């Protein structure tokens, strides 16, 4: 009895997860999703959403790490993140101990001009 109950709960959670993802991404209502989107079609939408979000996160990571990496390390990191390189990220690719102090000072200056952000 417990097994069938946990399976039912899992199926309900799965369905709610799909409804939540599609509603938040596209602004569709629960009724629209349940009545107009086929289950196999919803999985294609979820995959497209996941792919788009993953690419956005990879781009943000590449942009944020770009100033501290050497050109070869930038390319290596991007290849690993985009799946073009099966090797693990090495310590030299992840971080460089050199800090661009001028760039950091400019960033602090720009951020401090924003009224909602306090910079020390």
PDB file of N, CA and C in Angstrom:
ATOM      1  N   UNK A   1       0.817  -1.194   0.000  1.00  0.00           N
ATOM      2  CA  UNK A   1       0.000   0.000   0.000  1.00  0.00           C
ATOM      3  C   UNK A   1       0.861   1.259   0.000  1.00  0.00           C
ATOM      4  N   UNK A   2       1.917   1.248   0.805  1.00  0.00           N
ATOM      5  CA  UNK A   2       2.789   2.420   0.863  1.00  0.00           C
ATOM      6  C   UNK A   2       3.454   2.683  -0.478  1.00  0.00           C
ATOM      7  N   UNK A   3       3.845   1.617  -1.167  1.00  0.00           N
ATOM      8  CA  UNK A   3       4.530   1.770  -2.444  1.00  0.00           C
ATOM      9  C   UNK A   3       3.626   2.452  -3.473  1.00  0.00           C
ATOM     10  N   UNK A   4       2.366   2.045  -3.562  1.00  0.00           N
ATOM     11  CA  UNK A   4       1.462   2.656  -4.530  1.00  0.00           C
ATOM     12  C   UNK A   4       1.163   4.106  -4.156  1.00  0.00           C
ATOM     13  N   UNK A   5       1.135   4.392  -2.838  1.00  0.00           N
ATOM     14  CA  UNK A   5       0.895   5.771  -2.408  1.00  0.00           C
ATOM     15  C   UNK A   5       2.085   6.652  -2.770  1.00  0.00           C
ATOM     16  N   UNK A   6       3.309   6.165  -2.549  1.00  0.00           N
ATOM     17  CA  UNK A   6       4.484   6.972  -2.885  1.00  0.00           C
ATOM     18  C   UNK A   6       4.608   7.154  -4.391  1.00  0.00           C
ATOM     19  N   UNK A   7       4.207   6.150  -5.173  1.00  0.00           N
ATOM     20  CA  UNK A   7       4.221   6.271  -6.633  1.00  0.00           C
ATOM     21  C   UNK A   7       3.220   7.326  -7.076  1.00  0.00           C
ATOM     22  N   UNK A   8       2.047   7.348  -6.470  1.00  0.00           N
ATOM     23  CA  UNK A   8       1.038   8.349  -6.809  1.00  0.00           C
ATOM     24  C   UNK A   8       1.532   9.742  -6.457  1.00  0.00           C
ATOM     25  N   UNK A   9       2.172   9.884  -5.299  1.00  0.00           N
ATOM     26  CA  UNK A   9       2.708  11.180  -4.900  1.00  0.00           C
ATOM     27  C   UNK A   9       3.793  11.629  -5.877  1.00  0.00           C
ATOM     28  N   UNK A  10       4.664  10.694  -6.303  1.00  0.00           N
ATOM     29  CA  UNK A  10       5.716  11.025  -7.257  1.00  0.00           C
ATOM     30  C   UNK A  10       5.105  11.511  -8.563  1.00  0.00           C
ATOM     31  N   UNK A  11       4.090  10.804  -9.052  1.00  0.00           N
ATOM     32  CA  UNK A  11       3.455  11.196 -10.311  1.00  0.00           C
ATOM     33  C   UNK A  11       2.816  12.570 -10.203  1.00  0.00           C
ATOM     34  N   UNK A  12       2.202  12.863  -9.065  1.00  0.00           N
ATOM     35  CA  UNK A  12       1.586  14.170  -8.867  1.00  0.00           C
ATOM     36  C   UNK A  12       2.659  15.255  -8.803  1.00  0.00           C
ATOM     37  N   UNK A  13       3.754  14.989  -8.101  1.00  0.00           N
ATOM     38  CA  UNK A  13       4.846  15.956  -8.024  1.00  0.00           C
ATOM     39  C   UNK A  13       5.434  16.213  -9.408  1.00  0.00           C
ATOM     40  N   UNK A  14       5.550  15.172 -10.205  1.00  0.00           N
ATOM     41  CA  UNK A  14       6.096  15.301 -11.554  1.00  0.00           C
ATOM     42  C   UNK A  14       5.216  16.204 -12.394  1.00  0.00           C
ATOM     43  N   UNK A  15       3.915  15.980 -12.319  1.00  0.00           N
ATOM     44  CA  UNK A  15       2.976  16.773 -13.083  1.00  0.00           C
ATOM     45  C   UNK A  15       2.993  18.229 -12.619  1.00  0.00           C
ATOM     46  N   UNK A  16       2.997  18.445 -11.317  1.00  0.00           N
ATOM     47  CA  UNK A  16       3.036  19.804 -10.779  1.00  0.00           C
ATOM     48  C   UNK A  16       4.332  20.509 -11.163  1.00  0.00           C
ATOM     49  N   UNK A  17       5.410  19.775 -11.214  1.00  0.00           N
ATOM     50  CA  UNK A  17       6.695  20.354 -11.615  1.00  0.00           C
ATOM     51  C   UNK A  17       6.641  20.841 -13.059  1.00  0.00           C
ATOM     52  N   UNK A  18       6.053  20.043 -13.930  1.00  0.00           N
ATOM     53  CA  UNK A  18       5.927  20.440 -15.334  1.00  0.00           C
ATOM     54  C   UNK A  18       5.016  21.656 -15.461  1.00  0.00           C
ATOM     55  N   UNK A  19       3.888  21.632 -14.766  1.00  0.00           N
ATOM     56  CA  UNK A  19       2.958  22.773 -14.807  1.00  0.00           C
ATOM     57  C   UNK A  19       3.660  24.027 -14.308  1.00  0.00           C
ATOM     58  N   UNK A  20       4.382  23.910 -13.197  1.00  0.00           N
ATOM     59  CA  UNK A  20       5.089  25.059 -12.632  1.00  0.00           C
ATOM     60  C   UNK A  20       6.121  25.615 -13.610  1.00  0.00           C
ATOM     61  N   UNK A  21       6.897  24.751 -14.218  1.00  0.00           N
ATOM     62  CA  UNK A  21       7.939  25.195 -15.146  1.00  0.00           C
ATOM     63  C   UNK A  21       7.340  25.892 -16.365  1.00  0.00           C
ATOM     64  N   UNK A  22       6.336  25.288 -16.972  1.00  0.00           N
ATOM     65  CA  UNK A  22       5.722  25.886 -18.158  1.00  0.00           C
ATOM     66  C   UNK A  22       4.993  27.187 -17.819  1.00  0.00           C
ATOM     67  N   UNK A  23       4.334  27.211 -16.675  1.00  0.00           N
ATOM     68  CA  UNK A  23       3.617  28.426 -16.274  1.00  0.00           C
ATOM     69  C   UNK A  23       4.595  29.564 -16.005  1.00  0.00           C
ATOM     70  N   UNK A  24       5.684  29.261 -15.314  1.00  0.00           N
ATOM     71  CA  UNK A  24       6.638  30.327 -14.996  1.00  0.00           C
ATOM     72  C   UNK A  24       7.414  30.795 -16.220  1.00  0.00           C
ATOM     73  N   UNK A  25       7.685  29.895 -17.154  1.00  0.00           N
ATOM     74  CA  UNK A  25       8.457  30.260 -18.341  1.00  0.00           C
ATOM     75  C   UNK A  25       7.616  30.993 -19.378  1.00  0.00           C
ATOM     76  N   UNK A  26       6.409  30.498 -19.615  1.00  0.00           N
ATOM     77  CA  UNK A  26       5.591  31.040 -20.691  1.00  0.00           C
ATOM     78  C   UNK A  26       4.383  31.846 -20.215  1.00  0.00           C
ATOM     79  N   UNK A  27       4.083  31.803 -18.924  1.00  0.00           N
ATOM     80  CA  UNK A  27       2.938  32.532 -18.402  1.00  0.00           C
ATOM     81  C   UNK A  27       1.603  31.852 -18.669  1.00  0.00           C
ATOM     82  N   UNK A  28       1.651  30.577 -18.993  1.00  0.00           N
ATOM     83  CA  UNK A  28       0.426  29.837 -19.253  1.00  0.00           C
ATOM     84  C   UNK A  28      -0.251  29.472 -17.934  1.00  0.00           C
ATOM     85  N   UNK A  29      -1.571  29.305 -17.970  1.00  0.00           N
ATOM     86  CA  UNK A  29      -2.307  28.886 -16.782  1.00  0.00           C
ATOM     87  C   UNK A  29      -2.248  27.372 -16.643  1.00  0.00           C
ATOM     88  N   UNK A  30      -2.561  26.900 -15.442  1.00  0.00           N
ATOM     89  CA  UNK A  30      -2.577  25.457 -15.190  1.00  0.00           C
ATOM     90  C   UNK A  30      -3.601  24.779 -16.095  1.00  0.00           C
ATOM     91  N   UNK A  31      -4.797  25.363 -16.218  1.00  0.00           N
ATOM     92  CA  UNK A  31      -5.836  24.788 -17.077  1.00  0.00           C
ATOM     93  C   UNK A  31      -5.383  24.706 -18.530  1.00  0.00           C
ATOM     94  N   UNK A  32      -4.728  25.760 -19.011  1.00  0.00           N
ATOM     95  CA  UNK A  32      -4.240  25.757 -20.390  1.00  0.00           C
ATOM     96  C   UNK A  32      -3.236  24.625 -20.592  1.00  0.00           C
ATOM     97  N   UNK A  33      -2.297  24.492 -19.655  1.00  0.00           N
ATOM     98  CA  UNK A  33      -1.258  23.465 -19.773  1.00  0.00           C
ATOM     99  C   UNK A  33      -1.868  22.073 -19.740  1.00  0.00           C
ATOM    100  N   UNK A  34      -2.762  21.834 -18.791  1.00  0.00           N
ATOM    101  CA  UNK A  34      -3.344  20.495 -18.640  1.00  0.00           C
ATOM    102  C   UNK A  34      -4.293  20.137 -19.777  1.00  0.00           C
ATOM    103  N   UNK A  35      -4.949  21.135 -20.365  1.00  0.00           N
ATOM    104  CA  UNK A  35      -5.947  20.851 -21.407  1.00  0.00           C
ATOM    105  C   UNK A  35      -5.433  20.998 -22.832  1.00  0.00           C
ATOM    106  N   UNK A  36      -4.352  21.733 -23.028  1.00  0.00           N
ATOM    107  CA  UNK A  36      -3.908  22.025 -24.391  1.00  0.00           C
ATOM    108  C   UNK A  36      -2.543  21.437 -24.754  1.00  0.00           C
ATOM    109  N   UNK A  37      -1.757  21.065 -23.760  1.00  0.00           N
ATOM    110  CA  UNK A  37      -0.405  20.570 -24.024  1.00  0.00           C
ATOM    111  C   UNK A  37      -0.373  19.059 -23.784  1.00  0.00           C
ATOM    112  N   UNK A  38       0.034  18.315 -24.793  1.00  0.00           N
ATOM    113  CA  UNK A  38       0.163  16.870 -24.639  1.00  0.00           C
ATOM    114  C   UNK A  38       1.361  16.545 -23.749  1.00  0.00           C
ATOM    115  N   UNK A  39       1.299  15.442 -22.997  1.00  0.00           N
ATOM    116  CA  UNK A  39       2.411  15.098 -22.102  1.00  0.00           C
ATOM    117  C   UNK A  39       3.764  14.991 -22.808  1.00  0.00           C
ATOM    118  N   UNK A  40       3.797  14.332 -23.965  1.00  0.00           N
ATOM    119  CA  UNK A  40       5.078  14.215 -24.673  1.00  0.00           C
ATOM    120  C   UNK A  40       5.555  15.568 -25.185  1.00  0.00           C
ATOM    121  N   UNK A  41       4.606  16.434 -25.534  1.00  0.00           N
ATOM    122  CA  UNK A  41       4.939  17.783 -25.979  1.00  0.00           C
ATOM    123  C   UNK A  41       5.514  18.603 -24.823  1.00  0.00           C
ATOM    124  N   UNK A  42       4.972  18.407 -23.630  1.00  0.00           N
ATOM    125  CA  UNK A  42       5.457  19.155 -22.467  1.00  0.00           C
ATOM    126  C   UNK A  42       6.912  18.807 -22.169  1.00  0.00           C
ATOM    127  N   UNK A  43       7.290  17.566 -22.388  1.00  0.00           N
ATOM    128  CA  UNK A  43       8.683  17.166 -22.160  1.00  0.00           C
ATOM    129  C   UNK A  43       9.623  17.862 -23.135  1.00  0.00           C
ATOM    130  N   UNK A  44       9.173  18.078 -24.365  1.00  0.00           N
ATOM    131  CA  UNK A  44       9.985  18.815 -25.345  1.00  0.00           C
ATOM    132  C   UNK A  44      10.159  20.269 -24.910  1.00  0.00           C
ATOM    133  N   UNK A  45       9.071  20.866 -24.382  1.00  0.00           N
ATOM    134  CA  UNK A  45       9.166  22.236 -23.873  1.00  0.00           C
ATOM    135  C   UNK A  45      10.139  22.314 -22.694  1.00  0.00           C
ATOM    136  N   UNK A  46      10.048  21.348 -21.786  1.00  0.00           N
ATOM    137  CA  UNK A  46      10.919  21.338 -20.609  1.00  0.00           C
ATOM    138  C   UNK A  46      12.377  21.208 -21.038  1.00  0.00           C
ATOM    139  N   UNK A  47      12.645  20.352 -22.011  1.00  0.00           N
ATOM    140  CA  UNK A  47      14.022  20.198 -22.500  1.00  0.00           C
ATOM    141  C   UNK A  47      14.521  21.496 -23.122  1.00  0.00           C
ATOM    142  N   UNK A  48      13.683  22.154 -23.908  1.00  0.00           N
ATOM    143  CA  UNK A  48      14.077  23.429 -24.522  1.00  0.00           C
ATOM    144  C   UNK A  48      14.352  24.490 -23.458  1.00  0.00           C
ATOM    145  N   UNK A  49      13.514  24.535 -22.434  1.00  0.00           N
ATOM    146  CA  UNK A  49      13.712  25.491 -21.338  1.00  0.00           C
ATOM    147  C   UNK A  49      15.018  25.198 -20.619  1.00  0.00           C
ATOM    148  N   UNK A  50      15.261  23.922 -20.302  1.00  0.00           N
ATOM    149  CA  UNK A  50      16.504  23.541 -19.614  1.00  0.00           C
ATOM    150  C   UNK A  50      17.731  23.881 -20.449  1.00  0.00           C
ATOM    151  N   UNK A  51      17.677  23.604 -21.746  1.00  0.00           N
ATOM    152  CA  UNK A  51      18.811  23.917 -22.625  1.00  0.00           C
ATOM    153  C   UNK A  51      19.080  25.415 -22.671  1.00  0.00           C
ATOM    154  N   UNK A  52      18.015  26.202 -22.794  1.00  0.00           N
ATOM    155  CA  UNK A  52      18.163  27.649 -22.845  1.00  0.00           C
ATOM    156  C   UNK A  52      18.734  28.192 -21.533  1.00  0.00           C
ATOM    157  N   UNK A  53      18.215  27.714 -20.412  1.00  0.00           N
ATOM    158  CA  UNK A  53      18.719  28.167 -19.108  1.00  0.00           C
ATOM    159  C   UNK A  53      20.171  27.767 -18.902  1.00  0.00           C
ATOM    160  N   UNK A  54      20.521  26.537 -19.293  1.00  0.00           N
ATOM    161  CA  UNK A  54      21.901  26.065 -19.159  1.00  0.00           C
ATOM    162  C   UNK A  54      22.839  26.952 -19.976  1.00  0.00           C
ATOM    163  N   UNK A  55      22.453  27.263 -21.195  1.00  0.00           N
ATOM    164  CA  UNK A  55      23.284  28.141 -22.033  1.00  0.00           C
ATOM    165  C   UNK A  55      23.413  29.532 -21.434  1.00  0.00           C
ATOM    166  N   UNK A  56      22.323  30.045 -20.859  1.00  0.00           N
ATOM    167  CA  UNK A  56      22.386  31.351 -20.196  1.00  0.00           C
ATOM    168  C   UNK A  56      23.356  31.319 -19.024  1.00  0.00           C
ATOM    169  N   UNK A  57      23.278  30.259 -18.210  1.00  0.00           N
ATOM    170  CA  UNK A  57      24.178  30.143 -17.059  1.00  0.00           C
ATOM    171  C   UNK A  57      25.632  30.001 -17.505  1.00  0.00           C
ATOM    172  N   UNK A  58      25.863  29.240 -18.566  1.00  0.00           N
ATOM    173  CA  UNK A  58      27.226  29.082 -19.079  1.00  0.00           C
ATOM    174  C   UNK A  58      27.770  30.413 -19.582  1.00  0.00           C
ATOM    175  N   UNK A  59      26.935  31.175 -20.267  1.00  0.00           N
ATOM    176  CA  UNK A  59      27.376  32.474 -20.775  1.00  0.00           C
ATOM    177  C   UNK A  59      27.688  33.412 -19.611  1.00  0.00           C
ATOM    178  N   UNK A  60      26.845  33.421 -18.591  1.00  0.00           N
ATOM    179  CA  UNK A  60      27.089  34.270 -17.425  1.00  0.00           C
ATOM    180  C   UNK A  60      28.377  33.867 -16.712  1.00  0.00           C
ATOM    181  N   UNK A  61      28.609  32.567 -16.601  1.00  0.00           N
ATOM    182  CA  UNK A  61      29.846  32.095 -15.974  1.00  0.00           C
ATOM    183  C   UNK A  61      31.051  32.504 -16.803  1.00  0.00           C
ATOM    184  N   UNK A  62      30.964  32.351 -18.107  1.00  0.00           N
ATOM    185  CA  UNK A  62      32.081  32.732 -18.977  1.00  0.00           C
ATOM    186  C   UNK A  62      32.355  34.232 -18.877  1.00  0.00           C
ATOM    187  N   UNK A  63      31.309  35.038 -18.830  1.00  0.00           N
ATOM    188  CA  UNK A  63      31.480  36.492 -18.724  1.00  0.00           C
ATOM    189  C   UNK A  63      32.099  36.867 -17.389  1.00  0.00           C
ATOM    190  N   UNK A  64      31.617  36.256 -16.303  1.00  0.00           N
ATOM    191  CA  UNK A  64      32.117  36.639 -14.980  1.00  0.00           C
ATOM    192  C   UNK A  64      33.540  36.155 -14.726  1.00  0.00           C
ATOM    193  N   UNK A  65      33.954  35.059 -15.343  1.00  0.00           N
ATOM    194  CA  UNK A  65      35.318  34.564 -15.135  1.00  0.00           C
ATOM    195  C   UNK A  65      36.307  35.113 -16.148  1.00  0.00           C
ATOM    196  N   UNK A  66      35.825  35.707 -17.218  1.00  0.00           N
ATOM    197  CA  UNK A  66      36.687  36.179 -18.294  1.00  0.00           C
ATOM    198  C   UNK A  66      37.812  37.111 -17.836  1.00  0.00           C
ATOM    199  N   UNK A  67      37.544  38.090 -16.963  1.00  0.00           N
ATOM    200  CA  UNK A  67      38.616  39.023 -16.585  1.00  0.00           C
ATOM    201  C   UNK A  67      39.782  38.386 -15.822  1.00  0.00           C
ATOM    202  N   UNK A  68      39.562  37.262 -15.168  1.00  0.00           N
ATOM    203  CA  UNK A  68      40.627  36.678 -14.345  1.00  0.00           C
ATOM    204  C   UNK A  68      41.329  35.494 -15.004  1.00  0.00           C
ATOM    205  N   UNK A  69      40.920  35.116 -16.187  1.00  0.00           N
ATOM    206  CA  UNK A  69      41.529  33.970 -16.861  1.00  0.00           C
ATOM    207  C   UNK A  69      42.398  34.416 -18.024  1.00  0.00           C
ATOM    208  N   UNK A  70      43.436  33.657 -18.256  1.00  0.00           N
ATOM    209  CA  UNK A  70      44.280  33.858 -19.426  1.00  0.00           C
ATOM    210  C   UNK A  70      43.513  33.362 -20.660  1.00  0.00           C
ATOM    211  N   UNK A  71      43.846  33.859 -21.853  1.00  0.00           N
ATOM    212  CA  UNK A  71      43.096  33.455 -23.060  1.00  0.00           C
ATOM    213  C   UNK A  71      42.998  31.941 -23.268  1.00  0.00           C
ATOM    214  N   UNK A  72      44.079  31.225 -23.051  1.00  0.00           N
ATOM    215  CA  UNK A  72      44.029  29.764 -23.217  1.00  0.00           C
ATOM    216  C   UNK A  72      43.094  29.131 -22.191  1.00  0.00           C
ATOM    217  N   UNK A  73      43.129  29.666 -20.964  1.00  0.00           N
ATOM    218  CA  UNK A  73      42.254  29.143 -19.913  1.00  0.00           C
ATOM    219  C   UNK A  73      40.796  29.483 -20.186  1.00  0.00           C
ATOM    220  N   UNK A  74      40.548  30.651 -20.781  1.00  0.00           N
ATOM    221  CA  UNK A  74      39.178  31.020 -21.152  1.00  0.00           C
ATOM    222  C   UNK A  74      38.616  30.010 -22.149  1.00  0.00           C
ATOM    223  N   UNK A  75      39.420  29.689 -23.143  1.00  0.00           N
ATOM    224  CA  UNK A  75      38.980  28.742 -24.169  1.00  0.00           C
ATOM    225  C   UNK A  75      38.776  27.356 -23.567  1.00  0.00           C
ATOM    226  N   UNK A  76      39.687  26.940 -22.699  1.00  0.00           N
ATOM    227  CA  UNK A  76      39.563  25.630 -22.058  1.00  0.00           C
ATOM    228  C   UNK A  76      38.309  25.539 -21.205  1.00  0.00           C
ATOM    229  N   UNK A  77      38.055  26.590 -20.423  1.00  0.00           N
ATOM    230  CA  UNK A  77      36.862  26.592 -19.580  1.00  0.00           C
ATOM    231  C   UNK A  77      35.604  26.521 -20.434  1.00  0.00           C
ATOM    232  N   UNK A  78      35.542  27.314 -21.489  1.00  0.00           N
ATOM    233  CA  UNK A  78      34.363  27.305 -22.342  1.00  0.00           C
ATOM    234  C   UNK A  78      34.167  25.938 -22.984  1.00  0.00           C
ATOM    235  N   UNK A  79      35.250  25.303 -23.429  1.00  0.00           N
ATOM    236  CA  UNK A  79      35.141  23.978 -24.039  1.00  0.00           C
ATOM    237  C   UNK A  79      34.614  22.946 -23.054  1.00  0.00           C
ATOM    238  N   UNK A  80      35.076  23.026 -21.802  1.00  0.00           N
ATOM    239  CA  UNK A  80      34.595  22.091 -20.791  1.00  0.00           C
ATOM    240  C   UNK A  80      33.114  22.344 -20.504  1.00  0.00           C
ATOM    241  N   UNK A  81      32.739  23.605 -20.321  1.00  0.00           N
ATOM    242  CA  UNK A  81      31.355  23.939 -19.984  1.00  0.00           C
ATOM    243  C   UNK A  81      30.386  23.639 -21.113  1.00  0.00           C
ATOM    244  N   UNK A  82      30.817  23.802 -22.331  1.00  0.00           N
ATOM    245  CA  UNK A  82      29.927  23.564 -23.460  1.00  0.00           C
ATOM    246  C   UNK A  82      29.924  22.107 -23.902  1.00  0.00           C
ATOM    247  N   UNK A  83      30.694  21.276 -23.207  1.00  0.00           N
ATOM    248  CA  UNK A  83      30.700  19.854 -23.522  1.00  0.00           C
ATOM    249  C   UNK A  83      31.613  19.474 -24.660  1.00  0.00           C
ATOM    250  N   UNK A  84      32.432  20.405 -25.140  1.00  0.00           N
ATOM    251  CA  UNK A  84      33.340  20.113 -26.244  1.00  0.00           C
ATOM    252  C   UNK A  84      34.609  19.428 -25.769  1.00  0.00           C
ATOM    253  N   UNK A  85      34.808  19.405 -24.453  1.00  0.00           N
ATOM    254  CA  UNK A  85      36.023  18.819 -23.891  1.00  0.00           C
ATOM    255  C   UNK A  85      35.620  17.942 -22.723  1.00  0.00           C
ATOM    256  N   UNK A  86      35.975  16.680 -22.765  1.00  0.00           N
ATOM    257  CA  UNK A  86      35.556  15.764 -21.712  1.00  0.00           C
ATOM    258  C   UNK A  86      36.472  15.801 -20.490  1.00  0.00           C
ATOM    259  N   UNK A  87      37.582  16.524 -20.583  1.00  0.00           N
ATOM    260  CA  UNK A  87      38.497  16.598 -19.440  1.00  0.00           C
ATOM    261  C   UNK A  87      37.878  17.415 -18.310  1.00  0.00           C
ATOM    262  N   UNK A  88      38.330  17.136 -17.092  1.00  0.00           N
ATOM    263  CA  UNK A  88      37.882  17.898 -15.935  1.00  0.00           C
ATOM    264  C   UNK A  88      38.558  19.261 -15.927  1.00  0.00           C
ATOM    265  N   UNK A  89      37.921  20.224 -15.290  1.00  0.00           N
ATOM    266  CA  UNK A  89      38.497  21.562 -15.177  1.00  0.00           C
ATOM    267  C   UNK A  89      39.699  21.490 -14.243  1.00  0.00           C
ATOM    268  N   UNK A  90      40.818  21.971 -14.702  1.00  0.00           N
ATOM    269  CA  UNK A  90      42.014  21.950 -13.869  1.00  0.00           C
ATOM    270  C   UNK A  90      42.062  23.186 -12.995  1.00  0.00           C
ATOM    271  N   UNK A  91      42.888  23.169 -11.981  1.00  0.00           N
ATOM    272  CA  UNK A  91      42.998  24.294 -11.049  1.00  0.00           C
ATOM    273  C   UNK A  91      43.448  25.560 -11.769  1.00  0.00           C
ATOM    274  N   UNK A  92      44.272  25.422 -12.797  1.00  0.00           N
ATOM    275  CA  UNK A  92      44.753  26.612 -13.502  1.00  0.00           C
ATOM    276  C   UNK A  92      43.647  27.251 -14.334  1.00  0.00           C
ATOM    277  N   UNK A  93      42.655  26.467 -14.730  1.00  0.00           N
ATOM    278  CA  UNK A  93      41.563  27.018 -15.510  1.00  0.00           C
ATOM    279  C   UNK A  93      40.562  27.727 -14.609  1.00  0.00           C
ATOM    280  N   UNK A  94      40.329  27.198 -13.424  1.00  0.00           N
ATOM    281  CA  UNK A  94      39.301  27.730 -12.539  1.00  0.00           C
ATOM    282  C   UNK A  94      39.681  29.083 -11.968  1.00  0.00           C
ATOM    283  N   UNK A  95      40.917  29.252 -11.546  1.00  0.00           N
ATOM    284  CA  UNK A  95      41.259  30.512 -10.878  1.00  0.00           C
ATOM    285  C   UNK A  95      42.681  30.942 -11.214  1.00  0.00           C
ATOM    286  N   UNK A  96      42.849  32.226 -11.245  1.00  0.00           N
ATOM    287  CA  UNK A  96      44.151  32.834 -11.419  1.00  0.00           C
ATOM    288  C   UNK A  96      44.315  33.788 -10.246  1.00  0.00           C
ATOM    289  N   UNK A  97      45.439  33.709  -9.545  1.00  0.00           N
ATOM    290  CA  UNK A  97      45.623  34.498  -8.327  1.00  0.00           C
ATOM    291  C   UNK A  97      45.758  35.991  -8.585  1.00  0.00           C
ATOM    292  N   UNK A  98      45.989  36.397  -9.823  1.00  0.00           N
ATOM    293  CA  UNK A  98      46.162  37.805 -10.135  1.00  0.00           C
ATOM    294  C   UNK A  98      44.813  38.515 -10.106  1.00  0.00           C
ATOM    295  N   UNK A  99      44.760  39.636  -9.423  1.00  0.00           N
ATOM    296  CA  UNK A  99      43.545  40.427  -9.356  1.00  0.00           C
ATOM    297  C   UNK A  99      43.751  41.704 -10.144  1.00  0.00           C
ATOM    298  N   UNK A 100      42.836  41.994 -11.004  1.00  0.00           N
ATOM    299  CA  UNK A 100      42.880  43.238 -11.777  1.00  0.00           C
ATOM    300  C   UNK A 100      42.365  44.353 -10.875  1.00  0.00           C
ATOM    301  N   UNK A 101      43.272  44.977 -10.158  1.00  0.00           N
ATOM    302  CA  UNK A 101      42.890  45.987  -9.165  1.00  0.00           C
ATOM    303  C   UNK A 101      42.255  47.217  -9.817  1.00  0.00           C
ATOM    304  N   UNK A 102      42.753  47.641 -10.961  1.00  0.00           N
ATOM    305  CA  UNK A 102      42.156  48.792 -11.649  1.00  0.00           C
ATOM    306  C   UNK A 102      40.730  48.473 -12.091  1.00  0.00           C
ATOM    307  N   UNK A 103      40.558  47.304 -12.672  1.00  0.00           N
ATOM    308  CA  UNK A 103      39.231  46.887 -13.110  1.00  0.00           C
ATOM    309  C   UNK A 103      38.274  46.742 -11.933  1.00  0.00           C
ATOM    310  N   UNK A 104      38.794  46.212 -10.825  1.00  0.00           N
ATOM    311  CA  UNK A 104      37.973  46.052  -9.633  1.00  0.00           C
ATOM    312  C   UNK A 104      37.557  47.408  -9.074  1.00  0.00           C
ATOM    313  N   UNK A 105      38.475  48.371  -9.070  1.00  0.00           N
ATOM    314  CA  UNK A 105      38.168  49.724  -8.588  1.00  0.00           C
ATOM    315  C   UNK A 105      37.103  50.380  -9.475  1.00  0.00           C
ATOM    316  N   UNK A 106      37.207  50.200 -10.804  1.00  0.00           N
ATOM    317  CA  UNK A 106      36.206  50.752 -11.712  1.00  0.00           C
ATOM    318  C   UNK A 106      34.829  50.115 -11.467  1.00  0.00           C
ATOM    319  N   UNK A 107      34.829  48.808 -11.241  1.00  0.00           N
ATOM    320  CA  UNK A 107      33.581  48.111 -10.960  1.00  0.00           C
ATOM    321  C   UNK A 107      32.955  48.644  -9.674  1.00  0.00           C
ATOM    322  N   UNK A 108      33.754  48.803  -8.628  1.00  0.00           N
ATOM    323  CA  UNK A 108      33.247  49.335  -7.362  1.00  0.00           C
ATOM    324  C   UNK A 108      32.681  50.742  -7.554  1.00  0.00           C
ATOM    325  N   UNK A 109      33.353  51.548  -8.358  1.00  0.00           N
ATOM    326  CA  UNK A 109      32.904  52.905  -8.611  1.00  0.00           C
ATOM    327  C   UNK A 109      31.543  52.916  -9.306  1.00  0.00           C
ATOM    328  N   UNK A 110      31.382  52.068 -10.309  1.00  0.00           N
ATOM    329  CA  UNK A 110      30.108  52.004 -11.029  1.00  0.00           C
ATOM    330  C   UNK A 110      28.990  51.490 -10.131  1.00  0.00           C
ATOM    331  N   UNK A 111      29.301  50.469  -9.349  1.00  0.00           N
ATOM    332  CA  UNK A 111      28.285  49.893  -8.471  1.00  0.00           C
ATOM    333  C   UNK A 111      27.876  50.882  -7.389  1.00  0.00           C
ATOM    334  N   UNK A 112      28.832  51.640  -6.869  1.00  0.00           N
ATOM    335  CA  UNK A 112      28.533  52.574  -5.783  1.00  0.00           C
ATOM    336  C   UNK A 112      27.598  53.697  -6.229  1.00  0.00           C
ATOM    337  N   UNK A 113      27.496  53.942  -7.515  1.00  0.00           N
ATOM    338  CA  UNK A 113      26.600  54.973  -8.030  1.00  0.00           C
ATOM    339  C   UNK A 113      25.136  54.535  -7.983  1.00  0.00           C
ATOM    340  N   UNK A 114      24.910  53.247  -7.827  1.00  0.00           N
ATOM    341  CA  UNK A 114      23.547  52.725  -7.756  1.00  0.00           C
ATOM    342  C   UNK A 114      22.988  52.986  -6.360  1.00  0.00           C
ATOM    343  N   UNK A 115      21.802  53.533  -6.271  1.00  0.00           N
ATOM    344  CA  UNK A 115      21.240  53.957  -4.990  1.00  0.00           C
ATOM    345  C   UNK A 115      20.877  52.806  -4.059  1.00  0.00           C
ATOM    346  N   UNK A 116      20.664  51.594  -4.597  1.00  0.00           N
ATOM    347  CA  UNK A 116      20.248  50.460  -3.779  1.00  0.00           C
ATOM    348  C   UNK A 116      21.422  49.580  -3.320  1.00  0.00           C
ATOM    349  N   UNK A 117      22.618  49.923  -3.760  1.00  0.00           N
ATOM    350  CA  UNK A 117      23.777  49.091  -3.436  1.00  0.00           C
ATOM    351  C   UNK A 117      24.784  49.916  -2.655  1.00  0.00           C
ATOM    352  N   UNK A 118      25.262  49.348  -1.546  1.00  0.00           N
ATOM    353  CA  UNK A 118      26.276  50.021  -0.744  1.00  0.00           C
ATOM    354  C   UNK A 118      27.594  49.295  -0.932  1.00  0.00           C
ATOM    355  N   UNK A 119      28.647  50.044  -1.266  1.00  0.00           N
ATOM    356  CA  UNK A 119      29.963  49.462  -1.521  1.00  0.00           C
ATOM    357  C   UNK A 119      30.927  49.946  -0.453  1.00  0.00           C
ATOM    358  N   UNK A 120      31.680  49.009   0.096  1.00  0.00           N
ATOM    359  CA  UNK A 120      32.680  49.389   1.111  1.00  0.00           C
ATOM    360  C   UNK A 120      34.036  49.510   0.481  1.00  0.00           C
TER     361      UNK A 120
END
